[in-house]
Full PDB file with SEQRES, HELIX, SHEET, SSBOND, CRYST1, ORIGX, SCALE, CONECT and MASTER records, all heavy atoms in Angstrom:
SEQRES   1 A   36  MET ALA ASN GLY PRO THR GLY ARG LEU ASN PRO GLN ARG          
SEQRES   2 A   36  GLN GLY LEU ASN SER ALA LEU LYS ASP LYS LEU PRO PRO          
SEQRES   3 A   36  LEU ASN LEU VAL GLY GLY LEU PRO THR VAL                      
HELIX    1 AA1 LEU A   16  LYS A   21  1                                   6    
CRYST1    1.000    1.000    1.000  90.00  90.00  90.00 P 1           1          
ORIGX1      1.000000  0.000000  0.000000        0.00000                         
ORIGX2      0.000000  1.000000  0.000000        0.00000                         
ORIGX3      0.000000  0.000000  1.000000        0.00000                         
SCALE1      1.000000  0.000000  0.000000        0.00000                         
SCALE2      0.000000  1.000000  0.000000        0.00000                         
SCALE3      0.000000  0.000000  1.000000        0.00000                         
ATOM      1  N   MET A   1      92.159  90.263  95.245  1.00  0.00           N  
ATOM      2  CA  MET A   1      92.476  90.924  94.048  1.00  0.00           C  
ATOM      3  C   MET A   1      93.751  90.456  93.367  1.00  0.00           C  
ATOM      4  O   MET A   1      94.735  90.229  94.086  1.00  0.00           O  
ATOM      5  CB  MET A   1      92.577  92.438  94.381  1.00  0.00           C  
ATOM      6  CG  MET A   1      91.402  93.239  94.682  1.00  0.00           C  
ATOM      7  SD  MET A   1      89.775  92.462  94.498  1.00  0.00           S  
ATOM      8  CE  MET A   1      89.532  91.890  96.113  1.00  0.00           C  
ATOM      9  N   ALA A   2      93.708  90.440  92.044  1.00  0.00           N  
ATOM     10  CA  ALA A   2      94.856  89.960  91.337  1.00  0.00           C  
ATOM     11  C   ALA A   2      95.999  90.972  91.608  1.00  0.00           C  
ATOM     12  O   ALA A   2      97.216  90.525  91.736  1.00  0.00           O  
ATOM     13  CB  ALA A   2      94.647  89.760  89.870  1.00  0.00           C  
ATOM     14  N   ASN A   3      95.730  92.201  91.543  1.00  0.00           N  
ATOM     15  CA  ASN A   3      96.775  93.232  91.663  1.00  0.00           C  
ATOM     16  C   ASN A   3      96.721  94.008  92.947  1.00  0.00           C  
ATOM     17  O   ASN A   3      96.826  95.214  93.069  1.00  0.00           O  
ATOM     18  CB  ASN A   3      96.675  94.210  90.462  1.00  0.00           C  
ATOM     19  CG  ASN A   3      95.400  95.024  90.482  1.00  0.00           C  
ATOM     20  OD1 ASN A   3      94.373  94.610  91.145  1.00  0.00           O  
ATOM     21  ND2 ASN A   3      95.294  96.081  89.692  1.00  0.00           N  
ATOM     22  N   GLY A   4      96.476  93.221  94.028  1.00  0.00           N  
ATOM     23  CA  GLY A   4      96.477  93.789  95.340  1.00  0.00           C  
ATOM     24  C   GLY A   4      97.822  94.254  95.845  1.00  0.00           C  
ATOM     25  O   GLY A   4      98.866  93.996  95.075  1.00  0.00           O  
ATOM     26  N   PRO A   5      97.943  94.909  96.998  1.00  0.00           N  
ATOM     27  CA  PRO A   5      99.248  95.403  97.502  1.00  0.00           C  
ATOM     28  C   PRO A   5     100.169  94.177  97.769  1.00  0.00           C  
ATOM     29  O   PRO A   5      99.744  93.044  98.041  1.00  0.00           O  
ATOM     30  CB  PRO A   5      98.815  96.031  98.732  1.00  0.00           C  
ATOM     31  CG  PRO A   5      97.330  96.316  98.745  1.00  0.00           C  
ATOM     32  CD  PRO A   5      96.796  95.283  97.880  1.00  0.00           C  
ATOM     33  N   THR A   6     101.444  94.503  97.614  1.00  0.00           N  
ATOM     34  CA  THR A   6     102.452  93.483  97.798  1.00  0.00           C  
ATOM     35  C   THR A   6     103.363  93.916  98.882  1.00  0.00           C  
ATOM     36  O   THR A   6     103.240  94.997  99.444  1.00  0.00           O  
ATOM     37  CB  THR A   6     103.267  93.137  96.545  1.00  0.00           C  
ATOM     38  OG1 THR A   6     103.903  94.411  96.072  1.00  0.00           O  
ATOM     39  CG2 THR A   6     102.367  92.753  95.454  1.00  0.00           C  
ATOM     40  N   GLY A   7     104.250  93.059  99.277  1.00  0.00           N  
ATOM     41  CA  GLY A   7     105.305  93.370 100.347  1.00  0.00           C  
ATOM     42  C   GLY A   7     105.134  92.319 101.451  1.00  0.00           C  
ATOM     43  O   GLY A   7     104.142  92.247 102.124  1.00  0.00           O  
ATOM     44  N   ARG A   8     106.163  91.626 101.651  1.00  0.00           N  
ATOM     45  CA  ARG A   8     106.237  90.548 102.737  1.00  0.00           C  
ATOM     46  C   ARG A   8     105.697  91.043 104.106  1.00  0.00           C  
ATOM     47  O   ARG A   8     105.038  90.302 104.839  1.00  0.00           O  
ATOM     48  CB  ARG A   8     107.479  89.923 102.879  1.00  0.00           C  
ATOM     49  CG  ARG A   8     107.932  89.060 101.660  1.00  0.00           C  
ATOM     50  CD  ARG A   8     109.281  88.364 101.793  1.00  0.00           C  
ATOM     51  NE  ARG A   8     109.193  87.260 102.846  1.00  0.00           N  
ATOM     52  CZ  ARG A   8     108.807  86.043 102.655  1.00  0.00           C  
ATOM     53  NH1 ARG A   8     108.363  85.776 101.418  1.00  0.00           N  
ATOM     54  NH2 ARG A   8     108.785  85.163 103.581  1.00  0.00           N  
ATOM     55  N   LEU A   9     106.145  92.234 104.437  1.00  0.00           N  
ATOM     56  CA  LEU A   9     105.718  92.793 105.797  1.00  0.00           C  
ATOM     57  C   LEU A   9     104.525  93.737 105.719  1.00  0.00           C  
ATOM     58  O   LEU A   9     104.159  94.330 106.727  1.00  0.00           O  
ATOM     59  CB  LEU A   9     106.957  93.444 106.378  1.00  0.00           C  
ATOM     60  CG  LEU A   9     108.221  92.583 106.573  1.00  0.00           C  
ATOM     61  CD1 LEU A   9     109.355  93.467 107.105  1.00  0.00           C  
ATOM     62  CD2 LEU A   9     107.890  91.448 107.457  1.00  0.00           C  
ATOM     63  N   ASN A  10     103.878  93.917 104.523  1.00  0.00           N  
ATOM     64  CA  ASN A  10     102.838  94.757 104.308  1.00  0.00           C  
ATOM     65  C   ASN A  10     101.476  94.204 104.868  1.00  0.00           C  
ATOM     66  O   ASN A  10     101.053  93.141 104.352  1.00  0.00           O  
ATOM     67  CB  ASN A  10     102.613  95.193 102.906  1.00  0.00           C  
ATOM     68  CG  ASN A  10     101.565  96.126 102.628  1.00  0.00           C  
ATOM     69  OD1 ASN A  10     100.768  96.441 103.470  1.00  0.00           O  
ATOM     70  ND2 ASN A  10     101.464  96.588 101.393  1.00  0.00           N  
ATOM     71  N   PRO A  11     100.909  94.642 105.953  1.00  0.00           N  
ATOM     72  CA  PRO A  11      99.737  94.050 106.444  1.00  0.00           C  
ATOM     73  C   PRO A  11      98.510  94.201 105.482  1.00  0.00           C  
ATOM     74  O   PRO A  11      97.475  93.477 105.638  1.00  0.00           O  
ATOM     75  CB  PRO A  11      99.403  94.822 107.748  1.00  0.00           C  
ATOM     76  CG  PRO A  11     100.157  96.152 107.548  1.00  0.00           C  
ATOM     77  CD  PRO A  11     101.300  95.837 106.737  1.00  0.00           C  
ATOM     78  N   GLN A  12      98.578  94.979 104.478  1.00  0.00           N  
ATOM     79  CA  GLN A  12      97.615  95.194 103.456  1.00  0.00           C  
ATOM     80  C   GLN A  12      97.701  94.223 102.279  1.00  0.00           C  
ATOM     81  O   GLN A  12      97.014  94.247 101.333  1.00  0.00           O  
ATOM     82  CB  GLN A  12      97.566  96.627 102.962  1.00  0.00           C  
ATOM     83  CG  GLN A  12      97.233  97.539 104.072  1.00  0.00           C  
ATOM     84  CD  GLN A  12      95.812  97.364 104.648  1.00  0.00           C  
ATOM     85  OE1 GLN A  12      94.929  97.121 103.931  1.00  0.00           O  
ATOM     86  NE2 GLN A  12      95.744  97.549 105.966  1.00  0.00           N  
ATOM     87  N   ARG A  13      98.802  93.466 102.210  1.00  0.00           N  
ATOM     88  CA  ARG A  13      99.098  92.556 101.048  1.00  0.00           C  
ATOM     89  C   ARG A  13      97.923  91.649 100.760  1.00  0.00           C  
ATOM     90  O   ARG A  13      97.356  91.162 101.725  1.00  0.00           O  
ATOM     91  CB  ARG A  13     100.391  91.858 101.258  1.00  0.00           C  
ATOM     92  CG  ARG A  13     100.324  90.664 102.139  1.00  0.00           C  
ATOM     93  CD  ARG A  13     101.614  89.822 102.042  1.00  0.00           C  
ATOM     94  NE  ARG A  13     101.380  88.578 102.717  1.00  0.00           N  
ATOM     95  CZ  ARG A  13     100.756  87.470 102.302  1.00  0.00           C  
ATOM     96  NH1 ARG A  13     100.363  87.487 101.039  1.00  0.00           N  
ATOM     97  NH2 ARG A  13     100.519  86.495 102.984  1.00  0.00           N  
ATOM     98  N   GLN A  14      97.666  91.424  99.562  1.00  0.00           N  
ATOM     99  CA  GLN A  14      96.565  90.402  99.199  1.00  0.00           C  
ATOM    100  C   GLN A  14      96.611  90.077  97.702  1.00  0.00           C  
ATOM    101  O   GLN A  14      96.944  90.911  96.933  1.00  0.00           O  
ATOM    102  CB  GLN A  14      95.273  91.093  99.480  1.00  0.00           C  
ATOM    103  CG  GLN A  14      94.045  90.260  99.212  1.00  0.00           C  
ATOM    104  CD  GLN A  14      92.730  90.886  99.688  1.00  0.00           C  
ATOM    105  OE1 GLN A  14      92.573  92.117  99.562  1.00  0.00           O  
ATOM    106  NE2 GLN A  14      91.929  90.117 100.302  1.00  0.00           N  
ATOM    107  N   GLY A  15      96.215  88.885  97.435  1.00  0.00           N  
ATOM    108  CA  GLY A  15      96.006  88.543  96.095  1.00  0.00           C  
ATOM    109  C   GLY A  15      97.051  87.752  95.344  1.00  0.00           C  
ATOM    110  O   GLY A  15      98.066  87.339  95.928  1.00  0.00           O  
ATOM    111  N   LEU A  16      96.840  87.588  94.062  1.00  0.00           N  
ATOM    112  CA  LEU A  16      97.767  86.827  93.173  1.00  0.00           C  
ATOM    113  C   LEU A  16      99.120  87.415  93.005  1.00  0.00           C  
ATOM    114  O   LEU A  16     100.144  86.708  93.207  1.00  0.00           O  
ATOM    115  CB  LEU A  16      97.026  86.716  91.788  1.00  0.00           C  
ATOM    116  CG  LEU A  16      97.715  85.781  90.802  1.00  0.00           C  
ATOM    117  CD1 LEU A  16      97.757  84.314  91.388  1.00  0.00           C  
ATOM    118  CD2 LEU A  16      96.919  85.801  89.551  1.00  0.00           C  
ATOM    119  N   ASN A  17      99.224  88.714  92.783  1.00  0.00           N  
ATOM    120  CA  ASN A  17     100.555  89.262  92.741  1.00  0.00           C  
ATOM    121  C   ASN A  17     101.321  89.136  93.974  1.00  0.00           C  
ATOM    122  O   ASN A  17     102.518  88.771  93.989  1.00  0.00           O  
ATOM    123  CB  ASN A  17     100.451  90.791  92.438  1.00  0.00           C  
ATOM    124  CG  ASN A  17     100.107  90.998  90.896  1.00  0.00           C  
ATOM    125  OD1 ASN A  17      99.956  90.091  90.185  1.00  0.00           O  
ATOM    126  ND2 ASN A  17      99.873  92.303  90.615  1.00  0.00           N  
ATOM    127  N   SER A  18     100.731  89.318  95.132  1.00  0.00           N  
ATOM    128  CA  SER A  18     101.365  89.087  96.443  1.00  0.00           C  
ATOM    129  C   SER A  18     101.793  87.694  96.581  1.00  0.00           C  
ATOM    130  O   SER A  18     102.958  87.473  97.036  1.00  0.00           O  
ATOM    131  CB  SER A  18     100.448  89.527  97.547  1.00  0.00           C  
ATOM    132  OG  SER A  18     101.073  89.275  98.808  1.00  0.00           O  
ATOM    133  N   ALA A  19     101.012  86.710  96.243  1.00  0.00           N  
ATOM    134  CA  ALA A  19     101.401  85.378  96.443  1.00  0.00           C  
ATOM    135  C   ALA A  19     102.598  84.983  95.611  1.00  0.00           C  
ATOM    136  O   ALA A  19     103.537  84.334  96.012  1.00  0.00           O  
ATOM    137  CB  ALA A  19     100.215  84.437  96.019  1.00  0.00           C  
ATOM    138  N   LEU A  20     102.707  85.437  94.324  1.00  0.00           N  
ATOM    139  CA  LEU A  20     103.817  85.134  93.428  1.00  0.00           C  
ATOM    140  C   LEU A  20     105.112  86.048  93.801  1.00  0.00           C  
ATOM    141  O   LEU A  20     106.104  85.449  93.909  1.00  0.00           O  
ATOM    142  CB  LEU A  20     103.309  85.429  91.965  1.00  0.00           C  
ATOM    143  CG  LEU A  20     102.169  84.555  91.426  1.00  0.00           C  
ATOM    144  CD1 LEU A  20     101.827  85.012  90.120  1.00  0.00           C  
ATOM    145  CD2 LEU A  20     102.664  83.100  91.479  1.00  0.00           C  
ATOM    146  N   LYS A  21     104.928  87.225  93.993  1.00  0.00           N  
ATOM    147  CA  LYS A  21     105.983  88.087  94.227  1.00  0.00           C  
ATOM    148  C   LYS A  21     106.597  88.009  95.649  1.00  0.00           C  
ATOM    149  O   LYS A  21     107.802  87.907  95.772  1.00  0.00           O  
ATOM    150  CB  LYS A  21     105.624  89.669  94.067  1.00  0.00           C  
ATOM    151  CG  LYS A  21     106.733  90.581  94.187  1.00  0.00           C  
ATOM    152  CD  LYS A  21     106.215  91.987  93.947  1.00  0.00           C  
ATOM    153  CE  LYS A  21     107.414  92.953  94.147  1.00  0.00           C  
ATOM    154  NZ  LYS A  21     106.987  94.344  94.122  1.00  0.00           N  
ATOM    155  N   ASP A  22     105.730  87.895  96.682  1.00  0.00           N  
ATOM    156  CA  ASP A  22     106.256  87.835  98.016  1.00  0.00           C  
ATOM    157  C   ASP A  22     106.430  86.324  98.477  1.00  0.00           C  
ATOM    158  O   ASP A  22     106.963  86.140  99.597  1.00  0.00           O  
ATOM    159  CB  ASP A  22     105.150  88.414  98.946  1.00  0.00           C  
ATOM    160  CG  ASP A  22     104.876  89.877  98.623  1.00  0.00           C  
ATOM    161  OD1 ASP A  22     105.778  90.577  98.035  1.00  0.00           O  
ATOM    162  OD2 ASP A  22     103.714  90.362  98.876  1.00  0.00           O  
ATOM    163  N   LYS A  23     106.116  85.434  97.694  1.00  0.00           N  
ATOM    164  CA  LYS A  23     106.258  83.963  97.988  1.00  0.00           C  
ATOM    165  C   LYS A  23     105.634  83.654  99.258  1.00  0.00           C  
ATOM    166  O   LYS A  23     106.222  82.909 100.043  1.00  0.00           O  
ATOM    167  CB  LYS A  23     107.728  83.609  97.888  1.00  0.00           C  
ATOM    168  CG  LYS A  23     108.316  83.732  96.473  1.00  0.00           C  
ATOM    169  CD  LYS A  23     109.741  83.383  96.378  1.00  0.00           C  
ATOM    170  CE  LYS A  23     110.128  83.436  94.938  1.00  0.00           C  
ATOM    171  NZ  LYS A  23     111.229  84.271  94.724  1.00  0.00           N  
ATOM    172  N   LEU A  24     104.426  84.168  99.430  1.00  0.00           N  
ATOM    173  CA  LEU A  24     103.663  83.835 100.616  1.00  0.00           C  
ATOM    174  C   LEU A  24     102.288  83.287 100.226  1.00  0.00           C  
ATOM    175  O   LEU A  24     101.778  83.573  99.154  1.00  0.00           O  
ATOM    176  CB  LEU A  24     103.461  85.023 101.561  1.00  0.00           C  
ATOM    177  CG  LEU A  24     104.667  85.659 102.209  1.00  0.00           C  
ATOM    178  CD1 LEU A  24     104.439  87.009 102.748  1.00  0.00           C  
ATOM    179  CD2 LEU A  24     105.286  84.751 103.196  1.00  0.00           C  
ATOM    180  N   PRO A  25     101.493  82.522 101.063  1.00  0.00           N  
ATOM    181  CA  PRO A  25     100.247  82.144 100.696  1.00  0.00           C  
ATOM    182  C   PRO A  25      99.289  83.365 100.477  1.00  0.00           C  
ATOM    183  O   PRO A  25      99.414  84.412 101.081  1.00  0.00           O  
ATOM    184  CB  PRO A  25      99.706  81.338 101.981  1.00  0.00           C  
ATOM    185  CG  PRO A  25     100.992  81.019 102.635  1.00  0.00           C  
ATOM    186  CD  PRO A  25     101.907  82.050 102.467  1.00  0.00           C  
ATOM    187  N   PRO A  26      98.451  83.246  99.433  1.00  0.00           N  
ATOM    188  CA  PRO A  26      97.528  84.312  99.092  1.00  0.00           C  
ATOM    189  C   PRO A  26      96.613  84.600 100.202  1.00  0.00           C  
ATOM    190  O   PRO A  26      96.151  83.647 101.002  1.00  0.00           O  
ATOM    191  CB  PRO A  26      96.841  83.915  97.845  1.00  0.00           C  
ATOM    192  CG  PRO A  26      96.895  82.405  97.861  1.00  0.00           C  
ATOM    193  CD  PRO A  26      98.176  82.056  98.528  1.00  0.00           C  
ATOM    194  N   LEU A  27      96.183  85.900 100.444  1.00  0.00           N  
ATOM    195  CA  LEU A  27      95.066  86.199 101.322  1.00  0.00           C  
ATOM    196  C   LEU A  27      93.938  86.518 100.509  1.00  0.00           C  
ATOM    197  O   LEU A  27      93.733  87.610 100.014  1.00  0.00           O  
ATOM    198  CB  LEU A  27      95.561  87.506 102.191  1.00  0.00           C  
ATOM    199  CG  LEU A  27      96.785  87.249 103.069  1.00  0.00           C  
ATOM    200  CD1 LEU A  27      97.279  88.539 103.699  1.00  0.00           C  
ATOM    201  CD2 LEU A  27      96.567  86.177 104.147  1.00  0.00           C  
ATOM    202  N   ASN A  28      93.058  85.471 100.393  1.00  0.00           N  
ATOM    203  CA  ASN A  28      91.901  85.592  99.550  1.00  0.00           C  
ATOM    204  C   ASN A  28      90.704  85.961 100.286  1.00  0.00           C  
ATOM    205  O   ASN A  28      90.725  85.990 101.580  1.00  0.00           O  
ATOM    206  CB  ASN A  28      91.701  84.205  98.799  1.00  0.00           C  
ATOM    207  CG  ASN A  28      92.780  83.913  97.951  1.00  0.00           C  
ATOM    208  OD1 ASN A  28      93.288  84.686  97.198  1.00  0.00           O  
ATOM    209  ND2 ASN A  28      93.174  82.627  97.943  1.00  0.00           N  
ATOM    210  N   LEU A  29      89.600  86.190  99.725  1.00  0.00           N  
ATOM    211  CA  LEU A  29      88.372  86.559 100.292  1.00  0.00           C  
ATOM    212  C   LEU A  29      87.407  85.452 100.108  1.00  0.00           C  
ATOM    213  O   LEU A  29      87.134  84.894  99.057  1.00  0.00           O  
ATOM    214  CB  LEU A  29      87.852  87.813  99.598  1.00  0.00           C  
ATOM    215  CG  LEU A  29      86.477  88.443 100.157  1.00  0.00           C  
ATOM    216  CD1 LEU A  29      86.818  89.026 101.539  1.00  0.00           C  
ATOM    217  CD2 LEU A  29      86.099  89.507  99.132  1.00  0.00           C  
ATOM    218  N   VAL A  30      86.846  84.992 101.226  1.00  0.00           N  
ATOM    219  CA  VAL A  30      85.897  83.874 101.150  1.00  0.00           C  
ATOM    220  C   VAL A  30      84.463  84.405 101.649  1.00  0.00           C  
ATOM    221  O   VAL A  30      84.345  85.082 102.737  1.00  0.00           O  
ATOM    222  CB  VAL A  30      86.337  82.749 102.158  1.00  0.00           C  
ATOM    223  CG1 VAL A  30      85.290  81.602 102.130  1.00  0.00           C  
ATOM    224  CG2 VAL A  30      87.696  82.180 101.736  1.00  0.00           C  
ATOM    225  N   GLY A  31      83.488  84.101 100.901  1.00  0.00           N  
ATOM    226  CA  GLY A  31      82.145  84.620 101.244  1.00  0.00           C  
ATOM    227  C   GLY A  31      81.457  83.952 102.416  1.00  0.00           C  
ATOM    228  O   GLY A  31      80.849  84.516 103.151  1.00  0.00           O  
ATOM    229  N   GLY A  32      81.546  82.685 102.549  1.00  0.00           N  
ATOM    230  CA  GLY A  32      80.960  81.965 103.626  1.00  0.00           C  
ATOM    231  C   GLY A  32      81.882  80.843 104.210  1.00  0.00           C  
ATOM    232  O   GLY A  32      82.705  80.299 103.606  1.00  0.00           O  
ATOM    233  N   LEU A  33      81.659  80.676 105.482  1.00  0.00           N  
ATOM    234  CA  LEU A  33      82.607  79.704 106.238  1.00  0.00           C  
ATOM    235  C   LEU A  33      81.656  78.647 106.780  1.00  0.00           C  
ATOM    236  O   LEU A  33      80.497  78.850 107.258  1.00  0.00           O  
ATOM    237  CB  LEU A  33      83.229  80.413 107.390  1.00  0.00           C  
ATOM    238  CG  LEU A  33      84.308  81.470 107.062  1.00  0.00           C  
ATOM    239  CD1 LEU A  33      84.745  82.124 108.319  1.00  0.00           C  
ATOM    240  CD2 LEU A  33      85.423  80.890 106.270  1.00  0.00           C  
ATOM    241  N   PRO A  34      82.191  77.340 106.831  1.00  0.00           N  
ATOM    242  CA  PRO A  34      81.351  76.271 107.455  1.00  0.00           C  
ATOM    243  C   PRO A  34      81.055  76.603 108.879  1.00  0.00           C  
ATOM    244  O   PRO A  34      81.842  77.266 109.610  1.00  0.00           O  
ATOM    245  CB  PRO A  34      82.278  75.074 107.278  1.00  0.00           C  
ATOM    246  CG  PRO A  34      83.533  75.458 106.652  1.00  0.00           C  
ATOM    247  CD  PRO A  34      83.500  77.000 106.393  1.00  0.00           C  
ATOM    248  N   THR A  35      79.896  76.257 109.317  1.00  0.00           N  
ATOM    249  CA  THR A  35      79.381  76.440 110.629  1.00  0.00           C  
ATOM    250  C   THR A  35      78.868  77.916 110.893  1.00  0.00           C  
ATOM    251  O   THR A  35      78.180  78.180 111.883  1.00  0.00           O  
ATOM    252  CB  THR A  35      80.415  75.979 111.825  1.00  0.00           C  
ATOM    253  OG1 THR A  35      81.382  76.957 111.900  1.00  0.00           O  
ATOM    254  CG2 THR A  35      80.886  74.620 111.646  1.00  0.00           C  
ATOM    255  N   VAL A  36      79.214  78.792 110.025  1.00  0.00           N  
ATOM    256  CA  VAL A  36      78.724  80.150 110.086  1.00  0.00           C  
ATOM    257  C   VAL A  36      77.654  80.518 108.962  1.00  0.00           C  
ATOM    258  O   VAL A  36      76.669  81.024 109.301  1.00  0.00           O  
ATOM    259  CB  VAL A  36      79.912  81.127 109.962  1.00  0.00           C  
ATOM    260  CG1 VAL A  36      79.474  82.558 110.006  1.00  0.00           C  
ATOM    261  CG2 VAL A  36      80.938  80.924 111.136  1.00  0.00           C  
TER     262      VAL A  36                                                      
MASTER        0    0    0    1    0    0    0    6  261    1    0    3          
END                                                                             
């Protein structure tokens, strides 16, 4: 989500805002994984 929760120590952080504000890699959602 673009406007997901933020906070470097927040286990719920996710998305574009978190990546920019928290300066951490985004936690995105992937529908399918190779080999699965």
